[in-house]
Every structure is written in structure tokens, then in C-alpha cells.
């Protein structure tokens, strides 16, 4: 059965979310279609003050340094005021700003994709069609341009080749004796994309797989960047993980694979410009730049565009075996199910231990 589109799936939850009928909000339904060149948008952004404030989801403070550096180098005089934090913290802080009419954020690019349909229906998002909008996969975008995928993220099998000669492919491979005490995994009850990965795996292999995984005595950590850090620095204490990503092209000492029998998680990291953004022209410049072929080629991952070839000889995301990036939104919209799953894992693993991955020095 095909998954529902983002707007259709969310519409089923409308009675639980809205205290008014958005059908009659005619005056707020204004869609701005971009027809300027990137250079013209750049000049408008400079005239506005040359600043854009971006809140980006992530679990390491330096994860989007490359974006900041590329943007500011491409557009001299522009300053990207970037804050990386867990998406589940960003969204509640944005809700607080919206509720108190004290918005300081221009753009949000988050993993919590379920927030965007709600923000649109609350009238918080700018309806803006960026350049090359027709090149974005239809399943990744709102038809009014209120939100859209900016790039595609996805988990993969990752291992340190200095200590593992034959890396894991299927999720059952992690149950092999060679990985006893060697696995490092992100708490599924601390990250919804990791939670979804465990959900998909256990839909296929059942709870016996999870019980066997626990008998491997993995190290549980906060943050999806932490496993790669520990695999690279622990001198072989930790050698493999499936709760993170290092891109489509591995660099030494790592290698990657994707399951051929199972399902792995992928999703469009989604972005929007707020209707009352303090720097709307700066935000438009940022979004148009990120969505350009120029920047999409820099991400090292799949593109949200239909006209881009992924690195590493991989198929386009919609043609990639073993994943369906449209289903993550369906999962995230079902908040009661997400909460039940979190508690199921929390009962077995305990609450996530440790400092925030942004300050834990790992």
C-alpha cells in the first residue's frame, strides 16, 4: 500500500491540532514564486543587512560548518548565524518564540519533519517557491512552498576497516560473535530517526533479534555522530554501527554498506522560511543556494532534486533499494506510536544516559 503524501497524512490529524478552520483563511494564502536570479536575491539580501539566522538540526556543533563556510564564501558580505542543536529541542524553542511573538529565526532545517505541516496550518510559514522548485521530488515538497526537503539523510552500516575485514551488510550480521562488545549504537529512545530504524528492523526480525543484539553488549550513546567518533578513536574497542552515516563515499578508516534484504532509514531533511522571518531575503538566498545544483553536489549524499546524480555510483534516492524516504514523515506524524515505541525501548535500555552530544566531547 503506498504511503500517504505529507499534506494528506497530516490532514487526518487536523481535528486534534487546530482550534479554527483554515479553510476560510483566504487572505493568508499568498504564494510567492521566485523569478529573480541568485545574484539578484544576493543583492536584496545585502541590502536587507547581510544576515540570515538558521537553526539546523544535528547532534555535533560542527556538523554544518561546511554549509556556513560555503555560503559565506559564495556570497561575500553575508553572515550565516548558524545554531546546530537536536531538532527536538529546536522545534520547541521555535514554538515558544512563535507563541510569544518573539521570533528571531529566519529558517529552520530539521529532522522533526512532522512540525512543518503543523506550522503551515498555524500560519507560521512563508509560502515561497524557490528557483528550480519543479526539480525537487514532489514527495519532498509542499505544493505551496511552505516547506520542502533540502537534502537527503540516511543511515548506513559503518565499520572500521582496520579491525573488521568483512563488514556487516544485513542487520543479522551484527549478531555475529566478532561483534561481541564491539558495537556502538545510538539510543533509539533519544532520536526518532534511530527509533524508526529499530522499528523497521524489528518489523522484519522480531524481538528475538533485539534480545540477541542486547546479548552482544553494545555501547549505547547519545547522538548519531558519536558512533563514528568512537570507532575512529577507540583503538578497536568499538568497530561497527548502523545508527549513523558518514556519507555515500566512505573515507579511511571506514567503509559502508546498505542492506540488500532489510530496510534502512532515509528522509528529506526539511526546511522552511518563517512568515515573520527577521531577514526574509537572507533566508531566500540561503534556501536557493542550498537547493542549487552547485551546493547539492557538495553534500556527499543523495539530492532532493530529480536531476542530480548521487556520488559513489549510488542510484537516486527514489531508485535506491531497501529504503523509502517518503515513509519517515508518516512515521513521525503518528506521535502516539512514536511515544509508545520510545517507552518500549526505554523500559529495556533505560533512559538515555550522558550529556547532550553537542557538549559531551565525543
Protein backbone atom coordinates (compact mmCIF):
# COMPACT_ATOMS: atom_id res chain seq x y z
CA UNK A 1 0.00 0.00 0.00
CA UNK A 2 1.55 3.37 -0.97
CA UNK A 3 2.30 5.84 1.77
CA UNK A 4 0.23 8.99 2.07
CA UNK A 5 1.61 12.30 0.87
CA UNK A 6 2.71 14.70 3.61
CA UNK A 7 -0.32 17.02 3.41
CA UNK A 8 -2.84 14.16 3.13
CA UNK A 9 -1.37 12.24 6.05
CA UNK A 10 -1.34 15.33 8.24
CA UNK A 11 -4.90 16.29 7.31
CA UNK A 12 -6.11 13.22 9.20
CA UNK A 13 -4.85 14.83 12.39
CA UNK A 14 -6.40 18.26 11.84
CA UNK A 15 -9.19 17.98 14.40
CA UNK A 16 -6.55 17.27 17.06
CA UNK A 17 -4.39 20.24 16.15
CA UNK A 18 -6.41 23.25 15.09
CA UNK A 19 -8.80 25.41 17.06
CA UNK A 20 -10.07 27.11 13.91
CA UNK A 21 -10.92 26.20 10.34
CA UNK A 22 -8.07 27.18 7.97
CA UNK A 23 -10.44 26.79 5.01
CA UNK A 24 -11.51 30.42 5.48
CA UNK A 25 -8.05 31.94 5.92
CA UNK A 26 -8.15 33.19 2.33
CA UNK A 27 -6.03 36.28 2.88
CA UNK A 28 -3.14 34.28 4.29
CA UNK A 29 -2.86 32.01 1.25
CA UNK A 30 -0.35 34.02 -0.75
CA UNK A 31 2.33 32.09 -2.62
CA UNK A 32 5.47 33.96 -3.66
CA UNK A 33 7.13 32.48 -6.72
CA UNK A 34 10.81 33.36 -7.11
CA UNK A 35 11.67 34.77 -10.54
CA UNK A 36 14.92 36.57 -9.73
CA UNK A 37 18.39 35.24 -10.36
CA UNK A 38 20.56 34.12 -7.46
CA UNK A 39 22.67 37.26 -7.96
CA UNK A 40 19.60 39.47 -7.64
CA UNK A 41 18.50 37.71 -4.47
CA UNK A 42 22.03 38.17 -3.14
CA UNK A 43 21.86 41.92 -3.68
CA UNK A 44 18.49 42.09 -1.95
CA UNK A 45 19.89 40.14 1.00
CA UNK A 46 22.85 42.51 1.29
CA UNK A 47 20.52 45.50 1.21
CA UNK A 48 18.49 43.90 3.99
CA UNK A 49 21.57 43.76 6.22
CA UNK A 50 23.52 40.74 5.02
CA UNK A 51 22.41 38.37 7.78
CA UNK A 52 20.42 35.13 7.95
CA UNK A 53 19.63 33.16 11.10
CA UNK A 54 19.43 29.39 10.61
CA UNK A 55 18.53 26.79 13.20
CA UNK A 56 19.70 23.43 11.92
CA UNK A 57 19.07 20.00 13.38
CA UNK A 58 22.12 17.99 14.34
CA UNK A 59 24.00 16.39 17.20
CA UNK A 60 27.50 17.82 16.79
CA UNK A 61 28.22 21.55 16.86
CA UNK A 62 30.43 21.39 13.76
CA UNK A 63 28.11 19.35 11.56
CA UNK A 64 27.08 22.31 9.41
CA UNK A 65 30.34 24.24 9.43
CA UNK A 66 30.81 23.32 5.77
CA UNK A 67 27.48 24.95 4.90
CA UNK A 68 28.40 28.14 6.74
CA UNK A 69 31.82 28.30 5.09
CA UNK A 70 30.46 27.59 1.61
CA UNK A 71 27.63 30.11 1.92
CA UNK A 72 29.76 32.95 3.24
CA UNK A 73 32.49 32.28 0.66
CA UNK A 74 29.96 32.20 -2.17
CA UNK A 75 28.27 35.40 -1.00
CA UNK A 76 30.83 37.86 0.43
CA UNK A 77 29.28 40.23 2.92
CA UNK A 78 26.67 37.69 4.04
CA UNK A 79 26.78 36.26 7.56
CA UNK A 80 25.13 32.93 8.33
CA UNK A 81 24.21 32.92 12.01
CA UNK A 82 24.04 29.17 12.49
CA UNK A 83 22.88 27.22 15.54
CA UNK A 84 23.06 23.41 15.49
CA UNK A 85 21.07 21.52 18.11
CA UNK A 86 18.86 18.47 18.35
CA UNK A 87 15.77 19.04 16.22
CA UNK A 88 13.53 18.00 19.11
CA UNK A 89 14.90 20.95 21.09
CA UNK A 90 14.89 23.42 18.22
CA UNK A 91 11.22 22.88 17.45
CA UNK A 92 10.01 23.51 20.98
CA UNK A 93 12.13 26.65 21.22
CA UNK A 94 10.68 27.85 17.92
CA UNK A 95 7.18 27.15 19.22
CA UNK A 96 8.00 29.27 22.26
CA UNK A 97 9.15 32.16 20.07
CA UNK A 98 6.04 31.89 17.91
CA UNK A 99 3.77 31.78 20.95
CA UNK A 100 5.36 34.88 22.47
CA UNK A 101 5.60 36.79 19.18
CA UNK A 102 9.37 36.99 19.58
CA UNK A 103 10.69 35.22 16.50
CA UNK A 104 14.44 35.55 15.93
CA UNK A 105 14.83 32.65 13.49
CA UNK A 106 14.64 33.05 9.71
CA UNK A 107 14.94 29.42 8.61
CA UNK A 108 14.74 26.00 10.26
CA UNK A 109 16.11 22.81 8.68
CA UNK A 110 15.13 19.91 10.92
CA UNK A 111 14.71 16.17 11.26
CA UNK A 112 11.36 16.69 13.02
CA UNK A 113 9.53 16.73 9.70
CA UNK A 114 6.14 16.44 11.38
CA UNK A 115 6.46 20.04 12.63
CA UNK A 116 6.21 21.59 9.17
CA UNK A 117 2.60 20.73 8.23
CA UNK A 118 1.52 21.95 11.66
CA UNK A 119 3.46 25.20 11.33
CA UNK A 120 1.95 25.73 7.90
CA UNK A 121 -1.58 25.27 9.20
CA UNK A 122 -0.84 27.63 12.08
CA UNK A 123 0.15 30.27 9.53
CA UNK A 124 3.77 30.41 10.70
CA UNK A 125 5.49 29.64 7.40
CA UNK A 126 6.16 31.71 4.32
CA UNK A 127 4.68 30.23 1.16
CA UNK A 128 7.70 30.59 -1.09
CA UNK A 129 8.53 28.75 -4.31
CA UNK A 130 12.34 28.85 -4.75
CA UNK A 131 14.22 28.56 -8.02
CA UNK A 132 14.13 25.11 -9.66
CA UNK A 133 11.23 24.08 -7.43
CA UNK A 134 10.00 21.81 -10.20
CA UNK A 135 13.23 19.81 -9.89
CA UNK A 136 12.53 18.80 -6.27
CA UNK A 137 10.84 15.43 -5.88
CA UNK A 138 7.11 16.01 -5.50
CA UNK A 139 7.00 13.79 -2.41
CA UNK A 140 9.53 16.05 -0.67
CA UNK A 141 7.72 19.37 -1.04
CA UNK A 142 4.58 21.19 -0.05
CA UNK A 143 2.74 22.40 -3.13
CA UNK A 144 2.64 25.97 -1.76
CA UNK A 145 6.36 26.00 -0.98
CA UNK A 146 5.75 26.27 2.76
CA UNK A 147 8.36 23.54 3.33
CA UNK A 148 10.48 21.18 1.27
CA UNK A 149 13.38 18.78 1.55
CA UNK A 150 16.78 20.48 1.49
CA UNK A 151 18.94 17.35 1.26
CA UNK A 152 18.52 13.64 1.96
CA UNK A 153 19.96 11.92 5.02
CA UNK A 154 20.06 8.19 5.66
CA UNK A 155 21.65 5.63 7.96
CA UNK A 156 24.10 3.02 6.72
CA UNK A 157 26.21 0.20 8.06
CA UNK A 158 29.57 1.70 9.07
CA UNK A 159 32.67 -0.13 10.25
CA UNK A 160 36.35 0.49 10.85
CA UNK A 161 38.31 -1.45 8.21
CA UNK A 162 41.42 -1.56 10.38
CA UNK A 163 39.66 -4.01 12.69
CA UNK A 164 36.86 -5.54 10.58
CA UNK A 165 37.79 -7.43 7.42
CA UNK A 166 34.26 -8.27 6.26
CA UNK A 167 31.79 -5.60 7.22
CA UNK A 168 28.12 -6.14 8.07
CA UNK A 169 25.50 -5.96 5.32
CA UNK A 170 22.31 -7.33 6.87
CA UNK A 171 21.19 -6.38 10.37
CA UNK A 172 21.56 -10.02 11.42
CA UNK A 173 25.30 -9.68 10.77
CA UNK A 174 25.59 -7.59 13.93
CA UNK A 175 24.74 -10.72 15.91
CA UNK A 176 27.97 -12.46 14.85
CA UNK A 177 30.46 -13.33 17.57
CA UNK A 178 33.11 -10.99 16.14
CA UNK A 179 30.94 -8.01 17.15
CA UNK A 180 30.54 -9.06 20.77
CA UNK A 181 31.41 -5.99 22.89
CA UNK A 182 32.37 -4.11 19.68
CA UNK A 183 29.15 -2.35 18.69
CA UNK A 184 28.39 1.30 19.40
CA UNK A 185 24.78 2.34 18.88
CA UNK A 186 22.66 5.44 19.43
CA UNK A 187 19.81 5.12 21.92
CA UNK A 188 16.63 4.59 19.88
CA UNK A 189 14.64 6.34 22.61
CA UNK A 190 16.72 9.50 22.15
CA UNK A 191 16.48 10.02 18.38
CA UNK A 192 13.34 9.39 16.32
CA UNK A 193 15.22 8.52 13.11
CA UNK A 194 17.15 5.85 15.03
CA UNK A 195 13.90 4.74 16.65
CA UNK A 196 12.43 4.29 13.16
CA UNK A 197 15.46 2.21 12.16
CA UNK A 198 14.88 -0.17 15.06
CA UNK A 199 11.18 -0.28 14.25
CA UNK A 200 11.87 -1.31 10.64
CA UNK A 201 14.43 -3.92 11.68
CA UNK A 202 12.14 -5.46 14.25
CA UNK A 203 9.23 -5.49 11.85
CA UNK A 204 11.39 -7.88 9.84
CA UNK A 205 13.24 -9.86 12.51
CA UNK A 206 11.11 -9.53 15.63
CA UNK A 207 12.02 -9.05 19.27
CA UNK A 208 14.34 -12.07 19.23
CA UNK A 209 16.73 -10.02 17.08
CA UNK A 210 16.73 -7.25 19.67
CA UNK A 211 17.28 -9.71 22.51
CA UNK A 212 20.24 -11.17 20.63
CA UNK A 213 21.57 -7.68 19.97
CA UNK A 214 21.48 -6.92 23.68
CA UNK A 215 23.48 -10.06 24.34
CA UNK A 216 26.22 -8.54 22.15
CA UNK A 217 26.65 -5.91 24.88
CA UNK A 218 26.71 -2.83 22.63
CA UNK A 219 27.71 0.55 24.00
CA UNK A 220 24.71 2.89 23.91
CA UNK A 221 25.44 6.57 23.24
CA UNK A 222 23.66 9.83 22.58
CA UNK A 223 23.98 11.36 19.13
CA UNK A 224 24.31 9.78 15.70
CA UNK A 225 27.75 11.27 15.12
CA UNK A 226 29.16 9.68 18.27
CA UNK A 227 29.47 6.11 16.90
CA UNK A 228 31.83 7.17 14.10
CA UNK A 229 33.91 9.20 16.55
CA UNK A 230 34.32 6.24 18.86
CA UNK A 231 35.00 3.78 16.05
CA UNK A 232 37.80 6.04 14.79
CA UNK A 233 39.39 6.75 18.17
CA UNK A 234 38.90 3.72 20.41
CA UNK A 235 41.77 1.57 19.05
CA UNK A 236 39.42 -1.23 18.11
CA UNK A 237 37.24 -1.22 21.20
CA UNK A 238 34.28 -0.26 19.00
CA UNK A 239 34.24 -1.26 15.37
CA UNK A 240 30.75 -1.16 13.83
CA UNK A 241 27.40 0.62 13.92
CA UNK A 242 24.16 1.06 11.98
CA UNK A 243 22.84 4.21 13.71
CA UNK A 244 24.62 6.92 11.77
CA UNK A 245 26.07 7.96 8.46
CA UNK A 246 29.37 9.18 7.05
CA UNK A 247 28.02 9.94 3.58
CA UNK A 248 27.77 7.87 0.42
CA UNK A 249 31.53 7.70 -0.10
CA UNK A 250 33.50 6.36 2.85
CA UNK A 251 36.88 7.74 3.78
CA UNK A 252 39.63 5.90 5.67
CA UNK A 253 39.42 4.10 8.04
CA UNK A 254 35.74 3.47 7.35
CA UNK A 255 33.67 1.54 4.89
CA UNK A 256 29.89 1.42 4.45
CA UNK A 257 27.18 -0.86 3.11
CA UNK A 258 23.41 -0.97 2.82
CA UNK A 259 21.21 -4.00 3.49
CA UNK A 260 20.02 -5.99 0.50
CA UNK A 261 17.29 -7.83 2.41
CA UNK A 262 16.29 -5.31 5.06
CA UNK A 263 15.10 -1.72 5.11
CA UNK A 264 17.24 1.25 6.13
CA UNK A 265 16.08 4.73 7.09
CA UNK A 266 16.31 7.73 4.77
CA UNK A 267 14.44 11.02 4.80
CA UNK A 268 14.48 14.54 3.35
CA UNK A 269 15.91 16.91 5.95
CA UNK A 270 13.21 19.52 5.61
CA UNK A 271 13.39 23.29 5.70
CA UNK A 272 11.12 26.31 5.78
CA UNK A 273 11.26 30.09 5.99
CA UNK A 274 9.10 31.62 8.67
CA UNK A 275 6.46 34.10 7.59
CA UNK A 276 7.72 36.68 10.08
CA UNK A 277 11.40 35.94 9.50
CA UNK A 278 13.52 38.97 10.52
CA UNK A 279 15.68 38.52 7.39
CA UNK A 280 13.45 37.06 4.66
CA UNK A 281 15.76 37.95 1.76
CA UNK A 282 18.73 36.36 3.51
CA UNK A 283 16.66 33.24 4.13
CA UNK A 284 15.60 33.10 0.48
CA UNK A 285 19.22 33.38 -0.60
CA UNK A 286 20.21 30.56 1.73
CA UNK A 287 17.44 28.23 0.57
CA UNK A 288 18.02 28.89 -3.10
CA UNK A 289 21.73 28.27 -2.65
CA UNK A 290 21.26 25.00 -0.75
CA UNK A 291 18.81 23.75 -3.39
CA UNK A 292 21.07 24.73 -6.28
CA UNK A 293 22.97 22.09 -8.20
CA UNK A 294 26.13 23.87 -7.07
CA UNK A 295 25.53 23.10 -3.39
CA UNK A 296 23.69 19.80 -3.80
CA UNK A 297 26.90 18.47 -5.34
CA UNK A 298 28.77 19.33 -2.15
CA UNK A 299 26.64 17.40 0.36
CA UNK A 300 28.11 13.94 -0.23
CA UNK A 301 24.65 12.45 -0.05
CA UNK A 302 21.55 11.97 -2.16
CA UNK A 303 19.90 15.06 -3.58
CA UNK A 304 16.30 16.19 -3.18
CA UNK A 305 16.46 17.09 -6.87
CA UNK A 306 15.41 14.72 -9.62
CA UNK A 307 18.16 15.93 -11.98
CA UNK A 308 21.18 15.12 -9.79
CA UNK A 309 23.37 12.01 -9.81
CA UNK A 310 24.44 10.81 -6.33
CA UNK A 311 28.14 10.35 -5.52
CA UNK A 312 29.76 6.96 -5.27
CA UNK A 313 27.78 5.47 -8.14
CA UNK A 314 24.68 5.10 -5.97
CA UNK A 315 21.18 5.16 -7.51
CA UNK A 316 18.99 8.22 -7.00
CA UNK A 317 17.21 8.10 -3.66
CA UNK A 318 13.85 7.13 -5.17
CA UNK A 319 15.56 4.27 -7.00
CA UNK A 320 17.72 3.11 -4.11
CA UNK A 321 16.86 -0.44 -3.00
CA UNK A 322 15.99 -1.04 0.61
CA UNK A 323 14.60 2.37 1.55
CA UNK A 324 11.59 4.63 1.08
CA UNK A 325 12.35 8.20 2.16
CA UNK A 326 8.68 9.21 1.99
CA UNK A 327 7.66 6.92 4.85
CA UNK A 328 9.61 8.75 7.53
CA UNK A 329 7.02 11.54 7.54
CA UNK A 330 4.22 9.03 8.02
CA UNK A 331 6.08 7.57 10.98
CA UNK A 332 6.82 10.96 12.52
CA UNK A 333 3.24 12.19 12.19
CA UNK A 334 1.99 9.31 14.32
CA UNK A 335 3.18 10.77 17.61
CA UNK A 336 1.28 8.30 19.84
CA UNK A 337 3.04 5.39 18.12
CA UNK A 338 6.43 7.13 18.36
CA UNK A 339 5.89 7.70 22.07
CA UNK A 340 4.86 4.08 22.70
CA UNK A 341 7.95 2.85 20.88
CA UNK A 342 10.21 5.18 22.84
CA UNK A 343 8.85 3.82 26.11
CA UNK A 344 9.20 0.23 24.91
CA UNK A 345 12.92 0.76 24.34
CA UNK A 346 13.36 2.92 27.42
CA UNK A 347 12.00 0.12 29.60
CA UNK A 348 14.66 -2.21 28.21
CA UNK A 349 17.62 0.18 27.88
CA UNK A 350 16.84 2.79 30.50
CA UNK A 351 16.67 6.49 29.76
CA UNK A 352 19.42 7.88 27.53
CA UNK A 353 22.49 8.45 29.68
CA UNK A 354 25.09 11.17 29.29
CA UNK A 355 25.36 14.81 28.37
CA UNK A 356 23.93 16.23 25.18
CA UNK A 357 26.06 15.01 22.25
CA UNK A 358 26.80 18.65 21.47
CA UNK A 359 28.74 19.09 24.72
CA UNK A 360 29.99 15.61 25.58
CA UNK A 361 33.41 16.00 23.88
CA UNK A 362 32.88 12.76 21.94
